[in-house]
Amino acid sequence: MQEVRTDAATHRPGSRTTPHKSSKLIRSLTLTHAVLYGLGVTIGAGIYVLVGAAAARSGMHAPLAFLVAAVVMGITAGTFAELGTRLPVAASEAAYVEAAFHRKWLGGAAGLLVVAAATISGATITVGSAGYIGVFLPLPAAWIIAGVVLAMGAIACLSAVQSISFAGLMTVVEIGGLILIIGAGLFEGESLVSRLPELWAPTSDLAAWTGIAQTSLLAVFAFIGFEHLVNISEEMKNPSRTLPWALFITLGVTALLYMAVAWIAVVAVPPAELAHSSAPLALVFQRLTGLPLSVLSAIAVVATINGIIVHMIMIGRVLYGLADQGSLPALLARVNARSRTPVVATLIGVGAILILALGGPLTGLAEWTSRLTLGIFALVNLALLRIKANEAQPPAGVFVVPVWVPVAGLFTSAALLLVDLFG
């Protein structure tokens, strides 16, 4: 497999240069590609796997936890939109931190934190996928996990257009599954409206609101993914226009679907029962329609393996970007001459996901993903504040947000981490 060293983009902080003509990532992704990627890495990750765990913690109030998480994500999406149009490069978070603080080691640490969060997230989705695949294949979970990771790793090594188009097709299927649940819920029961008062916890019920806040940390995992769009910005045809639109469309569609599905789930199935199901949304669909678990489980399989693919793609791009900046060995910055993708970096991500998925519990992995992601969000918001403070006006063509956006993003991300720490 022939590989060639990439030359660095001139706008990437700390990037390496090479005197030889070489290959690099190509700008081939449109807004459609970007939105499908964002929806695939976001929706496929959380709701199919963690709605039962959220119901276990907050019962009928679980949808509120998804709302809180959506607000936190929405604020920080604005920060990513501005930084992403300032520096449309792979290993984006590392580039933002280095540009703000002028410390190469700090940028490298931020990039490795992103890789760690994405690896744990990919492992979490892999564990969740085994529960749905087990409906069809009565095999040991370890065998299912290994087979899924290796197969999806092969797809992630294809060209960007090929792998993201494949993931995009599966994204359409997984969103269709959520729409089926929403449609079945609306068609089957008036209780969705009559039980709405149960959604809101009494203001005086401190225990309920504490539980909602703690569940929000878990719900953050369900929204993780939209921010990974910045790591494929170097492959977008027009990142200044495409990236902001892709971020906000992804987050808006995801939030609407999650709120609707979470409410239908806790109304259709008692939260305690939902919590003990290895395929929670399949159980909801069965309860609403009377159809067997296998119907929605098939869609959930597509949703979860799609999430695995897009995480592998993102990990490969971040490792490539860090190596291209000189923070990691040059081998990781090599791009395959045929696929024009960082195959070596991608395969390292595949191996790390496999190891974690075979050894970690689902809920614990999801919580650690959320903690690391919130830490990254806090650092990225702080980076934008530092950049804004040190310049008279932003460069032309940049998507600009008011200064209160990174301030609020920093505060909300830190607040959720404190709730987790002292809860």
Protein backbone atom coordinates (compact mmCIF):
# COMPACT_ATOMS: atom_id res chain seq x y z
CA MET A 1 0.00 0.00 0.00
CA GLN A 2 1.78 3.09 -1.24
CA GLU A 3 1.79 6.11 1.03
CA VAL A 4 3.15 9.61 0.67
CA ARG A 5 3.92 12.33 3.17
CA THR A 6 1.53 15.31 3.14
CA ASP A 7 2.76 18.85 2.97
CA ALA A 8 1.23 21.12 5.52
CA ALA A 9 -1.28 23.85 4.87
CA THR A 10 0.32 27.24 5.21
CA HIS A 11 -2.33 28.42 7.66
CA ARG A 12 -1.89 25.53 10.09
CA PRO A 13 -0.07 26.60 13.28
CA GLY A 14 3.28 24.92 13.69
CA SER A 15 2.88 22.92 10.50
CA ARG A 16 5.78 21.09 8.93
CA THR A 17 7.00 21.72 5.45
CA THR A 18 8.75 19.47 2.99
CA PRO A 19 10.82 20.29 -0.09
CA HIS A 20 9.32 17.43 -2.06
CA LYS A 21 6.06 17.43 -3.96
CA SER A 22 3.59 15.41 -1.92
CA SER A 23 -0.06 14.58 -1.45
CA LYS A 24 -2.47 16.04 1.05
CA LEU A 25 -6.12 15.88 2.00
CA ILE A 26 -8.34 17.13 -0.83
CA ARG A 27 -11.37 19.44 -0.63
CA SER A 28 -14.16 17.19 -1.88
CA LEU A 29 -16.96 17.41 0.70
CA THR A 30 -20.17 19.42 0.14
CA LEU A 31 -22.74 20.66 2.68
CA THR A 32 -24.75 17.48 2.10
CA HIS A 33 -21.72 15.32 2.89
CA ALA A 34 -20.99 17.41 5.98
CA VAL A 35 -24.54 17.28 7.37
CA LEU A 36 -24.81 13.53 6.78
CA TYR A 37 -21.46 13.06 8.52
CA GLY A 38 -22.54 15.25 11.45
CA LEU A 39 -25.90 13.51 11.85
CA GLY A 40 -24.24 10.12 11.52
CA VAL A 41 -21.65 10.70 14.22
CA THR A 42 -24.20 12.35 16.53
CA ILE A 43 -27.49 10.47 16.20
CA GLY A 44 -25.92 7.07 15.73
CA ALA A 45 -23.99 7.52 18.94
CA GLY A 46 -26.45 8.26 21.68
CA ILE A 47 -30.17 7.83 21.49
CA TYR A 48 -30.22 4.21 20.31
CA VAL A 49 -27.88 3.17 23.11
CA LEU A 50 -28.40 5.44 26.13
CA VAL A 51 -32.11 6.30 26.30
CA GLY A 52 -32.58 3.42 28.76
CA ALA A 53 -29.76 4.63 31.02
CA ALA A 54 -31.20 8.16 30.99
CA ALA A 55 -34.64 6.83 31.93
CA ALA A 56 -33.10 4.85 34.78
CA ARG A 57 -31.67 8.01 36.32
CA SER A 58 -34.42 10.57 35.75
CA GLY A 59 -37.54 8.57 34.93
CA MET A 60 -40.24 10.67 33.27
CA HIS A 61 -37.98 13.72 33.48
CA ALA A 62 -35.35 12.17 31.16
CA PRO A 63 -36.33 14.34 28.15
CA LEU A 64 -35.42 17.45 30.18
CA ALA A 65 -31.87 16.13 30.51
CA PHE A 66 -31.65 15.99 26.71
CA LEU A 67 -32.91 19.58 26.55
CA VAL A 68 -30.25 20.79 29.02
CA ALA A 69 -27.56 18.97 27.05
CA ALA A 70 -28.83 20.51 23.79
CA VAL A 71 -28.56 24.03 25.24
CA VAL A 72 -24.96 23.41 26.36
CA MET A 73 -24.07 21.96 22.96
CA GLY A 74 -25.82 24.77 21.07
CA ILE A 75 -23.84 27.52 22.76
CA THR A 76 -20.52 25.84 22.12
CA ALA A 77 -21.53 25.12 18.50
CA GLY A 78 -21.27 28.87 17.90
CA THR A 79 -17.71 28.86 19.21
CA PHE A 80 -16.77 25.96 16.94
CA ALA A 81 -18.38 27.73 13.96
CA GLU A 82 -16.15 30.80 14.42
CA LEU A 83 -12.96 28.92 15.17
CA GLY A 84 -13.62 26.44 12.38
CA THR A 85 -13.86 29.20 9.79
CA ARG A 86 -10.74 30.86 11.18
CA LEU A 87 -8.71 27.63 11.01
CA PRO A 88 -10.31 25.04 8.70
CA VAL A 89 -7.78 22.29 9.38
CA ALA A 90 -7.59 18.72 10.67
CA ALA A 91 -6.75 18.39 14.40
CA SER A 92 -8.82 21.55 14.73
CA GLU A 93 -9.04 21.82 18.51
CA ALA A 94 -5.27 21.53 18.78
CA ALA A 95 -4.85 24.30 16.21
CA TYR A 96 -7.30 26.56 18.10
CA VAL A 97 -5.54 26.12 21.42
CA GLU A 98 -2.09 26.65 19.90
CA ALA A 99 -3.25 29.78 18.05
CA ALA A 100 -4.73 31.20 21.25
CA PHE A 101 -1.99 30.40 23.75
CA HIS A 102 1.06 30.00 21.49
CA ARG A 103 2.09 26.81 23.29
CA LYS A 104 2.72 23.88 20.97
CA TRP A 105 2.63 21.35 23.81
CA LEU A 106 -0.77 22.64 24.95
CA GLY A 107 -2.18 22.35 21.44
CA GLY A 108 -0.83 18.82 21.18
CA ALA A 109 -2.36 17.91 24.54
CA ALA A 110 -5.73 19.27 23.43
CA GLY A 111 -5.54 17.18 20.26
CA LEU A 112 -4.73 14.03 22.20
CA LEU A 113 -7.65 14.77 24.54
CA VAL A 114 -9.92 14.86 21.48
CA VAL A 115 -8.52 11.53 20.32
CA ALA A 116 -9.07 10.01 23.77
CA ALA A 117 -12.69 11.22 23.92
CA ALA A 118 -13.43 9.97 20.41
CA THR A 119 -11.83 6.59 21.11
CA ILE A 120 -13.89 6.09 24.26
CA SER A 121 -17.00 7.28 22.41
CA GLY A 122 -16.38 4.85 19.56
CA ALA A 123 -15.89 2.02 22.05
CA THR A 124 -19.14 2.94 23.80
CA ILE A 125 -21.09 2.78 20.55
CA THR A 126 -19.42 -0.53 19.70
CA VAL A 127 -20.54 -2.06 23.00
CA GLY A 128 -24.06 -0.76 22.36
CA SER A 129 -24.09 -2.18 18.83
CA ALA A 130 -23.32 -5.66 20.18
CA GLY A 131 -26.61 -5.62 22.12
CA TYR A 132 -28.62 -4.97 18.96
CA ILE A 133 -26.61 -7.33 16.74
CA GLY A 134 -27.07 -10.03 19.39
CA VAL A 135 -30.79 -10.03 18.52
CA PHE A 136 -29.83 -11.62 15.18
CA LEU A 137 -26.55 -13.39 15.93
CA PRO A 138 -26.43 -15.47 19.13
CA LEU A 139 -22.66 -15.09 19.41
CA PRO A 140 -20.46 -14.00 22.32
CA ALA A 141 -20.37 -10.22 22.62
CA ALA A 142 -16.58 -10.17 22.21
CA TRP A 143 -16.82 -11.87 18.82
CA ILE A 144 -19.46 -9.42 17.64
CA ILE A 145 -17.41 -6.45 18.83
CA ALA A 146 -14.24 -7.65 17.10
CA GLY A 147 -16.03 -8.35 13.83
CA VAL A 148 -17.80 -4.99 13.77
CA VAL A 149 -14.69 -2.95 14.58
CA LEU A 150 -12.54 -4.66 11.95
CA ALA A 151 -15.20 -4.37 9.23
CA MET A 152 -15.91 -0.71 9.95
CA GLY A 153 -12.19 0.01 10.13
CA ALA A 154 -11.79 -1.23 6.55
CA ILE A 155 -14.53 1.14 5.38
CA ALA A 156 -13.02 4.07 7.29
CA CYS A 157 -9.79 3.66 5.30
CA LEU A 158 -11.55 4.32 1.99
CA SER A 159 -11.49 7.76 0.38
CA ALA A 160 -13.30 10.55 2.25
CA VAL A 161 -16.14 10.73 -0.27
CA GLN A 162 -16.56 6.94 -0.33
CA SER A 163 -16.50 6.38 3.45
CA ILE A 164 -18.65 9.41 4.29
CA SER A 165 -21.12 8.63 1.48
CA PHE A 166 -21.44 5.09 2.86
CA ALA A 167 -21.96 6.50 6.35
CA GLY A 168 -24.44 9.00 4.89
CA LEU A 169 -26.63 6.23 3.48
CA MET A 170 -26.73 4.59 6.89
CA THR A 171 -27.53 7.96 8.46
CA VAL A 172 -30.69 8.17 6.35
CA VAL A 173 -31.68 4.70 7.61
CA GLU A 174 -31.02 5.51 11.28
CA ILE A 175 -33.01 8.77 11.13
CA GLY A 176 -35.78 6.79 9.47
CA GLY A 177 -35.83 4.50 12.50
CA LEU A 178 -36.33 7.43 14.86
CA ILE A 179 -39.08 8.82 12.64
CA LEU A 180 -40.78 5.40 12.74
CA ILE A 181 -40.78 5.55 16.55
CA ILE A 182 -42.13 9.10 16.55
CA GLY A 183 -44.80 8.17 14.02
CA ALA A 184 -45.82 5.08 16.00
CA GLY A 185 -45.97 7.11 19.20
CA LEU A 186 -48.13 9.82 17.66
CA PHE A 187 -50.41 7.28 16.02
CA GLU A 188 -50.81 4.98 18.99
CA GLY A 189 -51.52 7.11 22.00
CA GLU A 190 -53.12 10.27 23.33
CA SER A 191 -51.10 9.77 26.51
CA LEU A 192 -48.21 11.67 24.95
CA VAL A 193 -50.20 14.86 25.55
CA SER A 194 -52.19 13.89 28.65
CA ARG A 195 -49.04 12.91 30.54
CA LEU A 196 -47.02 16.02 29.67
CA PRO A 197 -47.34 17.40 33.24
CA GLU A 198 -45.18 14.46 34.39
CA LEU A 199 -42.33 15.76 32.26
CA TRP A 200 -41.66 18.80 34.45
CA ALA A 201 -40.25 18.18 37.92
CA PRO A 202 -41.70 20.27 40.78
CA THR A 203 -39.56 23.33 41.42
CA SER A 204 -39.19 22.38 45.08
CA ASP A 205 -38.01 18.83 44.28
CA LEU A 206 -34.26 19.37 44.61
CA ALA A 207 -33.50 15.66 44.28
CA ALA A 208 -35.32 15.46 40.94
CA TRP A 209 -33.49 18.49 39.52
CA THR A 210 -30.16 17.20 40.77
CA GLY A 211 -30.91 13.93 39.02
CA ILE A 212 -31.79 15.78 35.81
CA ALA A 213 -28.53 17.73 35.97
CA GLN A 214 -26.54 14.54 36.50
CA THR A 215 -28.42 12.78 33.70
CA SER A 216 -27.56 15.72 31.46
CA LEU A 217 -23.91 14.66 31.68
CA LEU A 218 -24.93 11.31 30.23
CA ALA A 219 -27.18 13.05 27.68
CA VAL A 220 -24.21 15.12 26.52
CA PHE A 221 -22.83 11.87 25.13
CA ALA A 222 -25.90 11.59 22.90
CA PHE A 223 -25.04 14.94 21.29
CA ILE A 224 -21.32 14.34 20.93
CA GLY A 225 -20.39 14.35 17.28
CA PHE A 226 -21.48 17.69 15.86
CA GLU A 227 -18.16 19.25 16.91
CA HIS A 228 -16.24 16.60 14.95
CA LEU A 229 -17.31 18.43 11.80
CA VAL A 230 -14.42 20.84 12.34
CA ASN A 231 -11.97 17.98 11.92
CA ILE A 232 -13.11 17.36 8.33
CA SER A 233 -13.18 21.10 7.49
CA GLU A 234 -9.87 20.70 5.65
CA GLU A 235 -11.74 18.42 3.24
CA MET A 236 -14.75 20.74 2.70
CA LYS A 237 -15.03 22.58 -0.60
CA ASN A 238 -16.08 25.85 1.03
CA PRO A 239 -15.53 25.61 4.81
CA SER A 240 -16.39 29.27 5.53
CA ARG A 241 -19.93 28.67 4.34
CA THR A 242 -20.35 24.93 4.78
CA LEU A 243 -19.06 24.49 8.34
CA PRO A 244 -21.40 26.87 10.24
CA TRP A 245 -24.46 25.62 8.37
CA ALA A 246 -23.48 21.98 8.92
CA LEU A 247 -22.92 22.52 12.66
CA PHE A 248 -26.27 24.20 13.32
CA ILE A 249 -28.34 21.97 11.04
CA THR A 250 -26.83 18.88 12.67
CA LEU A 251 -27.47 20.10 16.20
CA GLY A 252 -30.98 21.40 15.50
CA VAL A 253 -32.22 18.22 13.82
CA THR A 254 -30.63 16.08 16.51
CA ALA A 255 -32.19 18.03 19.39
CA LEU A 256 -35.70 17.85 17.92
CA LEU A 257 -35.46 14.11 17.28
CA TYR A 258 -34.01 13.35 20.71
CA MET A 259 -36.64 15.25 22.67
CA ALA A 260 -39.47 13.57 20.77
CA VAL A 261 -38.01 10.06 20.97
CA ALA A 262 -37.07 10.32 24.66
CA TRP A 263 -40.59 11.42 25.63
CA ILE A 264 -42.25 8.71 23.55
CA ALA A 265 -39.90 6.12 25.07
CA VAL A 266 -40.67 6.91 28.72
CA VAL A 267 -44.41 7.11 28.02
CA ALA A 268 -44.53 3.85 26.07
CA VAL A 269 -42.36 1.78 28.43
CA PRO A 270 -42.00 2.26 32.22
CA PRO A 271 -38.56 3.80 32.85
CA ALA A 272 -37.50 0.95 35.16
CA GLU A 273 -38.22 -1.61 32.43
CA LEU A 274 -36.57 0.52 29.78
CA ALA A 275 -33.43 0.75 31.89
CA HIS A 276 -32.94 -3.02 31.90
CA SER A 277 -33.23 -3.51 28.14
CA SER A 278 -30.10 -4.10 26.04
CA ALA A 279 -32.02 -2.79 23.01
CA PRO A 280 -34.20 -0.02 24.52
CA LEU A 281 -35.59 1.62 21.39
CA ALA A 282 -36.39 -1.74 19.84
CA LEU A 283 -38.42 -2.48 22.99
CA VAL A 284 -40.23 0.86 22.65
CA PHE A 285 -41.09 0.13 19.03
CA GLN A 286 -42.31 -3.36 19.92
CA ARG A 287 -44.52 -1.97 22.69
CA LEU A 288 -46.01 0.66 20.38
CA THR A 289 -46.62 -1.51 17.32
CA GLY A 290 -46.67 -5.12 18.48
CA LEU A 291 -43.97 -5.95 15.92
CA PRO A 292 -40.99 -8.11 16.97
CA LEU A 293 -37.79 -6.63 18.41
CA SER A 294 -35.91 -7.55 15.26
CA VAL A 295 -37.66 -4.86 13.17
CA LEU A 296 -36.14 -1.82 14.88
CA SER A 297 -33.08 -3.73 16.02
CA ALA A 298 -32.05 -3.99 12.36
CA ILE A 299 -32.20 -0.20 12.03
CA ALA A 300 -30.39 0.24 15.34
CA VAL A 301 -27.58 -1.99 14.07
CA VAL A 302 -27.15 0.37 11.12
CA ALA A 303 -27.25 3.41 13.43
CA THR A 304 -24.63 2.16 15.84
CA ILE A 305 -22.14 0.82 13.29
CA ASN A 306 -22.49 4.11 11.43
CA GLY A 307 -21.39 5.91 14.58
CA ILE A 308 -18.35 3.64 14.76
CA ILE A 309 -17.29 4.47 11.20
CA VAL A 310 -17.50 8.23 11.57
CA HIS A 311 -15.55 8.14 14.85
CA MET A 312 -12.80 6.17 13.15
CA ILE A 313 -12.71 8.72 10.32
CA MET A 314 -12.42 11.58 12.80
CA ILE A 315 -9.70 9.94 14.91
CA GLY A 316 -7.61 9.35 11.81
CA ARG A 317 -7.93 13.00 10.79
CA VAL A 318 -6.96 14.32 14.22
CA LEU A 319 -3.90 12.08 14.47
CA TYR A 320 -2.96 13.09 10.92
CA GLY A 321 -3.33 16.78 11.80
CA LEU A 322 -1.26 16.46 14.98
CA ALA A 323 1.50 14.69 13.08
CA ASP A 324 1.35 17.26 10.29
CA GLN A 325 1.84 19.98 12.92
CA GLY A 326 4.86 18.11 14.27
CA SER A 327 3.27 17.02 17.54
CA LEU A 328 3.28 13.29 16.67
CA PRO A 329 5.58 11.05 14.56
CA ALA A 330 5.61 11.86 10.85
CA LEU A 331 4.41 8.36 9.98
CA LEU A 332 0.91 9.36 11.12
CA ALA A 333 0.86 12.27 8.64
CA ARG A 334 1.24 9.99 5.64
CA VAL A 335 -1.68 9.91 3.21
CA ASN A 336 -2.36 6.82 1.13
CA ALA A 337 -1.70 7.57 -2.55
CA ARG A 338 -4.83 5.75 -3.71
CA SER A 339 -7.48 6.67 -1.14
CA ARG A 340 -5.92 10.04 -0.20
CA THR A 341 -6.71 9.27 3.45
CA PRO A 342 -4.44 8.87 6.53
CA VAL A 343 -4.62 5.07 6.66
CA VAL A 344 -1.95 4.49 9.34
CA ALA A 345 -3.52 7.03 11.70
CA THR A 346 -6.98 5.57 11.08
CA LEU A 347 -5.82 2.02 11.84
CA ILE A 348 -4.36 3.16 15.16
CA GLY A 349 -7.79 4.51 16.07
CA VAL A 350 -9.40 1.23 15.01
CA GLY A 351 -7.08 -0.73 17.31
CA ALA A 352 -7.67 1.58 20.27
CA ILE A 353 -11.46 1.35 19.89
CA LEU A 354 -11.27 -2.45 19.75
CA ILE A 355 -9.22 -2.69 22.95
CA LEU A 356 -11.51 -0.38 24.92
CA ALA A 357 -14.73 -1.93 23.62
CA LEU A 358 -13.62 -5.37 24.78
CA GLY A 359 -12.84 -4.14 28.29
CA GLY A 360 -15.17 -1.34 29.40
CA PRO A 361 -18.80 -1.12 30.67
CA LEU A 362 -21.25 0.92 28.57
CA THR A 363 -22.35 3.55 31.09
CA GLY A 364 -18.87 4.11 32.48
CA LEU A 365 -17.42 4.63 29.00
CA ALA A 366 -20.20 7.09 28.09
CA GLU A 367 -19.68 9.15 31.25
CA TRP A 368 -15.94 9.43 30.65
CA THR A 369 -16.56 10.46 27.05
CA SER A 370 -18.85 13.22 28.29
CA ARG A 371 -16.34 14.43 30.89
CA LEU A 372 -13.50 14.61 28.38
CA THR A 373 -15.71 16.30 25.81
CA LEU A 374 -16.89 18.95 28.26
CA GLY A 375 -13.27 19.59 29.19
CA ILE A 376 -12.44 20.06 25.51
CA PHE A 377 -15.41 22.40 25.09
CA ALA A 378 -14.27 24.53 28.04
CA LEU A 379 -10.75 24.76 26.57
CA VAL A 380 -12.03 25.65 23.08
CA ASN A 381 -14.32 28.38 24.44
CA LEU A 382 -11.41 29.78 26.44
CA ALA A 383 -9.27 29.74 23.29
CA LEU A 384 -11.81 31.84 21.37
CA LEU A 385 -12.02 34.34 24.23
CA ARG A 386 -8.23 34.68 24.18
CA ILE A 387 -8.14 35.12 20.41
CA LYS A 388 -10.90 37.75 20.47
CA ALA A 389 -9.13 39.66 23.26
CA ASN A 390 -5.88 39.87 21.30
CA GLU A 391 -7.19 41.23 18.00
CA ALA A 392 -8.79 44.47 16.86
CA GLN A 393 -11.16 42.79 14.40
CA PRO A 394 -11.60 39.29 12.97
CA PRO A 395 -10.23 38.35 9.54
CA ALA A 396 -12.50 38.74 6.51
CA GLY A 397 -14.80 35.83 5.72
CA VAL A 398 -14.95 34.51 9.29
CA PHE A 399 -18.25 33.51 10.91
CA VAL A 400 -18.29 35.77 13.99
CA VAL A 401 -20.23 35.20 17.24
CA PRO A 402 -20.69 37.73 20.09
CA VAL A 403 -18.23 37.45 22.96
CA TRP A 404 -20.99 36.22 25.29
CA VAL A 405 -21.16 32.96 23.30
CA PRO A 406 -17.73 31.61 24.35
CA VAL A 407 -18.31 33.02 27.86
CA ALA A 408 -21.59 31.11 28.15
CA GLY A 409 -20.03 28.03 26.55
CA LEU A 410 -17.21 28.05 29.08
CA PHE A 411 -19.62 28.52 31.98
CA THR A 412 -22.14 25.81 30.96
CA SER A 413 -19.44 23.24 30.18
CA ALA A 414 -17.72 23.88 33.52
CA ALA A 415 -21.06 23.83 35.36
CA LEU A 416 -21.95 20.34 34.11
CA LEU A 417 -18.50 19.08 35.10
CA LEU A 418 -18.95 20.53 38.61
CA VAL A 419 -22.38 18.91 38.93
CA ASP A 420 -20.76 15.58 38.07
CA LEU A 421 -17.89 16.17 40.50
CA PHE A 422 -20.01 17.12 43.51
CA GLY A 423 -23.20 15.25 42.63
